[in-house]
Structures are given as C-alpha cells and as structure tokens.
Amino acid sequence: MFQLSAFILLLAFWQCPAANMPAQKDFQMSQFKGQWYGIAASSNCPMFKDMKKDMTLPIIVYGMDKDNVKVAIAFKTPKGCQQMDFKYDTISSGHYKHSSPHGDNEVVIVGTDYKAFALEYTETMHEGKTCTTLKLYGRETNLPMEIKQQFMAYAKNLGLTEDDTKVFSKGDLCPPHV
C-alpha cells in the first residue's frame, strides 16, 4: 500500500524555493534509481506551456555516475521518439543541480515510496526568471486516483493551476537508451 501519510505531509512545504524545499527524509538513491513513468506534470515554465499539447507519457531512467545522478528521459513527439540525457550534480541526498538549454535547474525529490510513486520539484532559472515544475512519477503507468488528487492539491499549493498541468496520455511509448 502507498505511504500516503508522508505524501500528505508534503503539502506543508508549499511555496518553498528549491534551496529550501526539503528532500524526502533519508532519501535513498539506491532504492529510487531505475525506470519511472511520467504520470503528470504541472509547470509555469513557458517552454512547458508551449510543448504540453504534444506531450505523451515520458519514461525516465535514473542511474548513478560516481557521486552524481544520470537521468535519461524519452518521449514521443510529432517528430518521433526524442531523448534527453542529463547529469545531476548532487547537492545533498535527494537534492540536485543541472544545466540544460532551458536554464539552470535545481531538482528535489520531495516524496517517494520507491515502489509506486515519486514527486519531483524543479525550479528553473532562465533569462533572469524563475519557474516551477512539479512532476508525478509512477513505477507503473497507472496510479490510484488518490495519489493523483494529492499531486493536484500540492501543485495548487505551489501556485500552479489546472492550465499549468498535463496528465500524460499513454500513446506510443519511447523507452530511453541507457
């Protein structure tokens, strides 16, 4: 069964900047790494708003590269399967930094039960502006409605709206090459 009590407690940490957003207590990358499906995302980032209409369910694979985290994200676009690869520098357990063409990012794993769901908070600085993204992952492509509702409540508490949110359709899956 899901550890919903820990997930619900995350609501207490709303509207914190990434540097102050607490990572899951005693986060263990060894249990977190592996494949996740992107179930939903909510973001006020302009790039997300432009792309969300074409997005389908992404597959994310977390791995290790010495003390840092490797992340491969693959998804279907109108141009076919696309993949992005990142190397996250570790700030602390569950808190990472990386740069991308879309800006400098701080990533915090704010909650997970390692077996079914994970919640990732990202703050991106691009062209002097900061935007927020909240992602819900699942080890399977379907999560109970209660988890999705908690995700929506958390996104709302971060100031994100339904218009900022995308629940991914399954469509054709594109597994990442790792």
C-alpha atoms as a PDB file:
ATOM      1  CA  MET A   1       0.000   0.000   0.000  1.00  0.00           C
ATOM      2  CA  PHE A   2       1.109   3.563  -0.577  1.00  0.00           C
ATOM      3  CA  GLN A   3       2.665   5.659   2.139  1.00  0.00           C
ATOM      4  CA  LEU A   4       0.127   8.439   1.715  1.00  0.00           C
ATOM      5  CA  SER A   5       0.738   9.989   5.105  1.00  0.00           C
ATOM      6  CA  ALA A   6       4.242  11.046   4.041  1.00  0.00           C
ATOM      7  CA  PHE A   7       2.864  12.342   0.753  1.00  0.00           C
ATOM      8  CA  ILE A   8       0.176  14.345   2.515  1.00  0.00           C
ATOM      9  CA  LEU A   9       2.766  15.877   4.835  1.00  0.00           C
ATOM     10  CA  LEU A  10       4.472  17.310   1.761  1.00  0.00           C
ATOM     11  CA  LEU A  11       1.614  19.777   1.483  1.00  0.00           C
ATOM     12  CA  ALA A  12       3.110  21.573   4.471  1.00  0.00           C
ATOM     13  CA  PHE A  13       6.157  22.568   2.416  1.00  0.00           C
ATOM     14  CA  TRP A  14       4.366  24.569  -0.295  1.00  0.00           C
ATOM     15  CA  GLN A  15       5.849  27.660  -1.882  1.00  0.00           C
ATOM     16  CA  CYS A  16       9.416  26.971  -0.768  1.00  0.00           C
ATOM     17  CA  PRO A  17      12.280  27.846  -3.118  1.00  0.00           C
ATOM     18  CA  ALA A  18      14.227  24.774  -4.255  1.00  0.00           C
ATOM     19  CA  ALA A  19      17.122  25.577  -1.938  1.00  0.00           C
ATOM     20  CA  ASN A  20      14.659  25.422   0.977  1.00  0.00           C
ATOM     21  CA  MET A  21      12.412  22.662  -0.378  1.00  0.00           C
ATOM     22  CA  PRO A  22      13.080  19.636   1.794  1.00  0.00           C
ATOM     23  CA  ALA A  23      14.027  16.417   0.074  1.00  0.00           C
ATOM     24  CA  GLN A  24      12.436  13.211   1.282  1.00  0.00           C
ATOM     25  CA  LYS A  25      13.826  12.385   4.692  1.00  0.00           C
ATOM     26  CA  ASP A  26      16.515   9.695   4.484  1.00  0.00           C
ATOM     27  CA  PHE A  27      16.215   9.620   0.671  1.00  0.00           C
ATOM     28  CA  GLN A  28      17.997   6.577  -0.801  1.00  0.00           C
ATOM     29  CA  MET A  29      19.017   6.858  -4.459  1.00  0.00           C
ATOM     30  CA  SER A  30      19.861   3.151  -4.431  1.00  0.00           C
ATOM     31  CA  GLN A  31      16.130   2.422  -3.972  1.00  0.00           C
ATOM     32  CA  PHE A  32      14.962   5.253  -6.251  1.00  0.00           C
ATOM     33  CA  LYS A  33      17.079   4.538  -9.331  1.00  0.00           C
ATOM     34  CA  GLY A  34      15.590   2.641 -12.235  1.00  0.00           C
ATOM     35  CA  GLN A  35      12.649   3.283 -14.526  1.00  0.00           C
ATOM     36  CA  TRP A  36       9.744   5.633 -13.803  1.00  0.00           C
ATOM     37  CA  TYR A  37       6.811   6.784 -15.934  1.00  0.00           C
ATOM     38  CA  GLY A  38       5.837  10.446 -16.015  1.00  0.00           C
ATOM     39  CA  ILE A  39       2.192  10.386 -14.916  1.00  0.00           C
ATOM     40  CA  ALA A  40       1.574  14.145 -14.689  1.00  0.00           C
ATOM     41  CA  ALA A  41       3.407  17.458 -14.582  1.00  0.00           C
ATOM     42  CA  SER A  42       2.455  20.976 -13.639  1.00  0.00           C
ATOM     43  CA  SER A  43       4.628  23.907 -14.624  1.00  0.00           C
ATOM     44  CA  ASN A  44       4.554  27.649 -15.124  1.00  0.00           C
ATOM     45  CA  CYS A  45       7.632  27.459 -17.403  1.00  0.00           C
ATOM     46  CA  PRO A  46       6.942  28.957 -20.871  1.00  0.00           C
ATOM     47  CA  MET A  47       8.619  26.013 -22.669  1.00  0.00           C
ATOM     48  CA  PHE A  48       6.321  23.522 -20.892  1.00  0.00           C
ATOM     49  CA  LYS A  49       3.244  25.542 -21.816  1.00  0.00           C
ATOM     50  CA  ASP A  50       4.322  25.563 -25.475  1.00  0.00           C
ATOM     51  CA  MET A  51       5.046  21.822 -25.610  1.00  0.00           C
ATOM     52  CA  LYS A  52       2.392  20.291 -23.329  1.00  0.00           C
ATOM     53  CA  LYS A  53      -0.268  19.829 -26.019  1.00  0.00           C
ATOM     54  CA  ASP A  54       2.006  17.408 -27.890  1.00  0.00           C
ATOM     55  CA  MET A  55       3.425  15.568 -24.863  1.00  0.00           C
ATOM     56  CA  THR A  56       2.788  11.900 -24.263  1.00  0.00           C
ATOM     57  CA  LEU A  57       3.819   9.714 -21.351  1.00  0.00           C
ATOM     58  CA  PRO A  58       7.583  10.053 -20.837  1.00  0.00           C
ATOM     59  CA  ILE A  59       9.805   7.304 -19.485  1.00  0.00           C
ATOM     60  CA  ILE A  60      12.543   8.403 -17.112  1.00  0.00           C
ATOM     61  CA  VAL A  61      15.505   6.279 -16.047  1.00  0.00           C
ATOM     62  CA  TYR A  62      17.634   7.290 -13.075  1.00  0.00           C
ATOM     63  CA  GLY A  63      21.096   5.826 -12.607  1.00  0.00           C
ATOM     64  CA  MET A  64      24.367   6.683 -10.937  1.00  0.00           C
ATOM     65  CA  ASP A  65      27.629   8.079 -12.302  1.00  0.00           C
ATOM     66  CA  LYS A  66      30.019   8.002  -9.343  1.00  0.00           C
ATOM     67  CA  ASP A  67      28.539  10.521  -6.867  1.00  0.00           C
ATOM     68  CA  ASN A  68      26.193  12.106  -9.393  1.00  0.00           C
ATOM     69  CA  VAL A  69      22.920  11.073 -10.953  1.00  0.00           C
ATOM     70  CA  LYS A  70      22.385  10.201 -14.623  1.00  0.00           C
ATOM     71  CA  VAL A  71      18.907  10.823 -15.991  1.00  0.00           C
ATOM     72  CA  ALA A  72      17.572   9.723 -19.388  1.00  0.00           C
ATOM     73  CA  ILE A  73      14.121  10.937 -20.429  1.00  0.00           C
ATOM     74  CA  ALA A  74      12.442   9.642 -23.591  1.00  0.00           C
ATOM     75  CA  PHE A  75       9.087  10.691 -25.022  1.00  0.00           C
ATOM     76  CA  LYS A  76       7.096  10.682 -28.237  1.00  0.00           C
ATOM     77  CA  THR A  77       6.783  13.916 -30.235  1.00  0.00           C
ATOM     78  CA  PRO A  78       5.291  14.688 -33.641  1.00  0.00           C
ATOM     79  CA  LYS A  79       8.839  14.117 -34.948  1.00  0.00           C
ATOM     80  CA  GLY A  80       9.096  10.655 -33.336  1.00  0.00           C
ATOM     81  CA  CYS A  81      10.901   9.465 -30.229  1.00  0.00           C
ATOM     82  CA  GLN A  82      13.127  12.036 -28.567  1.00  0.00           C
ATOM     83  CA  GLN A  83      15.564  11.563 -25.707  1.00  0.00           C
ATOM     84  CA  MET A  84      17.257  13.984 -23.336  1.00  0.00           C
ATOM     85  CA  ASP A  85      20.155  12.949 -21.108  1.00  0.00           C
ATOM     86  CA  PHE A  86      21.259  14.853 -18.031  1.00  0.00           C
ATOM     87  CA  LYS A  87      23.895  14.586 -15.348  1.00  0.00           C
ATOM     88  CA  TYR A  88      22.709  15.905 -11.985  1.00  0.00           C
ATOM     89  CA  ASP A  89      25.313  17.237  -9.581  1.00  0.00           C
ATOM     90  CA  THR A  90      24.488  16.157  -6.052  1.00  0.00           C
ATOM     91  CA  ILE A  91      23.927  18.953  -3.543  1.00  0.00           C
ATOM     92  CA  SER A  92      22.632  16.604  -0.854  1.00  0.00           C
ATOM     93  CA  SER A  93      20.692  13.360  -0.792  1.00  0.00           C
ATOM     94  CA  GLY A  94      17.573  13.951  -2.929  1.00  0.00           C
ATOM     95  CA  HIS A  95      18.671  17.489  -3.970  1.00  0.00           C
ATOM     96  CA  TYR A  96      20.452  18.024  -7.297  1.00  0.00           C
ATOM     97  CA  LYS A  97      21.524  20.702  -9.803  1.00  0.00           C
ATOM     98  CA  HIS A  98      21.967  20.578 -13.557  1.00  0.00           C
ATOM     99  CA  SER A  99      22.070  22.891 -16.545  1.00  0.00           C
ATOM    100  CA  SER A 100      20.100  22.482 -19.729  1.00  0.00           C
ATOM    101  CA  PRO A 101      19.378  24.593 -22.802  1.00  0.00           C
ATOM    102  CA  HIS A 102      16.247  25.733 -20.946  1.00  0.00           C
ATOM    103  CA  GLY A 103      18.115  27.067 -17.905  1.00  0.00           C
ATOM    104  CA  ASP A 104      19.788  26.165 -14.645  1.00  0.00           C
ATOM    105  CA  ASN A 105      17.768  23.689 -12.633  1.00  0.00           C
ATOM    106  CA  GLU A 106      17.519  22.614  -9.018  1.00  0.00           C
ATOM    107  CA  VAL A 107      15.739  19.287  -8.584  1.00  0.00           C
ATOM    108  CA  VAL A 108      14.383  17.954  -5.301  1.00  0.00           C
ATOM    109  CA  ILE A 109      12.788  14.546  -4.771  1.00  0.00           C
ATOM    110  CA  VAL A 110      10.217  15.677  -2.218  1.00  0.00           C
ATOM    111  CA  GLY A 111       8.476  12.358  -1.742  1.00  0.00           C
ATOM    112  CA  THR A 112       8.521   8.735  -2.804  1.00  0.00           C
ATOM    113  CA  ASP A 113       7.649   5.312  -1.508  1.00  0.00           C
ATOM    114  CA  TYR A 114      10.228   3.912  -4.011  1.00  0.00           C
ATOM    115  CA  LYS A 115       7.789   1.195  -5.163  1.00  0.00           C
ATOM    116  CA  ALA A 116       4.862   3.073  -6.692  1.00  0.00           C
ATOM    117  CA  PHE A 117       5.095   6.880  -6.804  1.00  0.00           C
ATOM    118  CA  ALA A 118       7.542   9.781  -6.640  1.00  0.00           C
ATOM    119  CA  LEU A 119       7.127  13.529  -6.571  1.00  0.00           C
ATOM    120  CA  GLU A 120       9.852  15.737  -8.060  1.00  0.00           C
ATOM    121  CA  TYR A 121      10.059  19.509  -7.634  1.00  0.00           C
ATOM    122  CA  THR A 122      12.180  21.532 -10.080  1.00  0.00           C
ATOM    123  CA  GLU A 123      12.997  25.203 -10.041  1.00  0.00           C
ATOM    124  CA  THR A 124      14.427  26.568 -13.304  1.00  0.00           C
ATOM    125  CA  MET A 125      16.234  29.887 -13.759  1.00  0.00           C
ATOM    126  CA  HIS A 126      16.164  31.067 -17.387  1.00  0.00           C
ATOM    127  CA  GLU A 127      16.815  34.556 -18.702  1.00  0.00           C
ATOM    128  CA  GLY A 128      16.559  36.050 -15.226  1.00  0.00           C
ATOM    129  CA  LYS A 129      13.200  34.461 -14.458  1.00  0.00           C
ATOM    130  CA  THR A 130      12.385  31.545 -12.185  1.00  0.00           C
ATOM    131  CA  CYS A 131       9.730  28.967 -12.937  1.00  0.00           C
ATOM    132  CA  THR A 132       8.454  25.929 -11.073  1.00  0.00           C
ATOM    133  CA  THR A 133       7.692  22.392 -12.227  1.00  0.00           C
ATOM    134  CA  LEU A 134       6.152  19.595 -10.199  1.00  0.00           C
ATOM    135  CA  LYS A 135       6.217  16.054 -11.621  1.00  0.00           C
ATOM    136  CA  LEU A 136       4.402  12.915 -10.538  1.00  0.00           C
ATOM    137  CA  TYR A 137       6.096   9.631 -11.422  1.00  0.00           C
ATOM    138  CA  GLY A 138       4.907   6.051 -11.156  1.00  0.00           C
ATOM    139  CA  ARG A 139       6.702   2.735 -11.421  1.00  0.00           C
ATOM    140  CA  GLU A 140       3.648   1.652 -13.450  1.00  0.00           C
ATOM    141  CA  THR A 141       1.670   3.733 -15.948  1.00  0.00           C
ATOM    142  CA  ASN A 142      -1.361   3.986 -13.703  1.00  0.00           C
ATOM    143  CA  LEU A 143      -1.602   5.322 -10.153  1.00  0.00           C
ATOM    144  CA  PRO A 144      -4.601   5.385  -7.828  1.00  0.00           C
ATOM    145  CA  MET A 145      -6.802   8.475  -8.126  1.00  0.00           C
ATOM    146  CA  GLU A 146      -5.987   9.418  -4.532  1.00  0.00           C
ATOM    147  CA  ILE A 147      -2.300   9.904  -5.427  1.00  0.00           C
ATOM    148  CA  LYS A 148      -3.223  11.995  -8.488  1.00  0.00           C
ATOM    149  CA  GLN A 149      -5.546  14.146  -6.350  1.00  0.00           C
ATOM    150  CA  GLN A 150      -2.762  14.723  -3.809  1.00  0.00           C
ATOM    151  CA  PHE A 151      -0.461  15.756  -6.672  1.00  0.00           C
ATOM    152  CA  MET A 152      -3.065  18.260  -7.919  1.00  0.00           C
ATOM    153  CA  ALA A 153      -3.531  19.692  -4.406  1.00  0.00           C
ATOM    154  CA  TYR A 154       0.231  20.057  -3.966  1.00  0.00           C
ATOM    155  CA  ALA A 155       0.572  21.753  -7.380  1.00  0.00           C
ATOM    156  CA  LYS A 156      -2.213  24.173  -6.457  1.00  0.00           C
ATOM    157  CA  ASN A 157      -0.469  24.987  -3.163  1.00  0.00           C
ATOM    158  CA  LEU A 158       2.649  25.845  -5.197  1.00  0.00           C
ATOM    159  CA  GLY A 159       0.571  28.358  -7.161  1.00  0.00           C
ATOM    160  CA  LEU A 160       0.241  26.141 -10.243  1.00  0.00           C
ATOM    161  CA  THR A 161      -3.145  25.940 -11.956  1.00  0.00           C
ATOM    162  CA  GLU A 162      -5.081  23.345 -13.935  1.00  0.00           C
ATOM    163  CA  ASP A 163      -3.983  25.217 -17.085  1.00  0.00           C
ATOM    164  CA  ASP A 164      -0.365  24.611 -15.996  1.00  0.00           C
ATOM    165  CA  THR A 165      -1.000  20.876 -15.629  1.00  0.00           C
ATOM    166  CA  LYS A 166      -0.755  17.961 -18.026  1.00  0.00           C
ATOM    167  CA  VAL A 167      -1.803  14.399 -17.235  1.00  0.00           C
ATOM    168  CA  PHE A 168       0.107  12.387 -19.799  1.00  0.00           C
ATOM    169  CA  SER A 169      -1.675  10.130 -22.262  1.00  0.00           C
ATOM    170  CA  LYS A 170      -0.103   6.758 -22.816  1.00  0.00           C
ATOM    171  CA  GLY A 171       0.169   6.810 -26.600  1.00  0.00           C
ATOM    172  CA  ASP A 172       3.251   5.217 -28.083  1.00  0.00           C
ATOM    173  CA  LEU A 173       5.979   4.694 -25.514  1.00  0.00           C
ATOM    174  CA  CYS A 174       9.600   5.525 -26.243  1.00  0.00           C
ATOM    175  CA  PRO A 175      11.985   3.697 -23.905  1.00  0.00           C
ATOM    176  CA  PRO A 176      15.233   5.603 -23.324  1.00  0.00           C
ATOM    177  CA  HIS A 177      18.531   4.188 -24.490  1.00  0.00           C
ATOM    178  CA  VAL A 178      20.747   3.994 -21.439  1.00  0.00           C
END
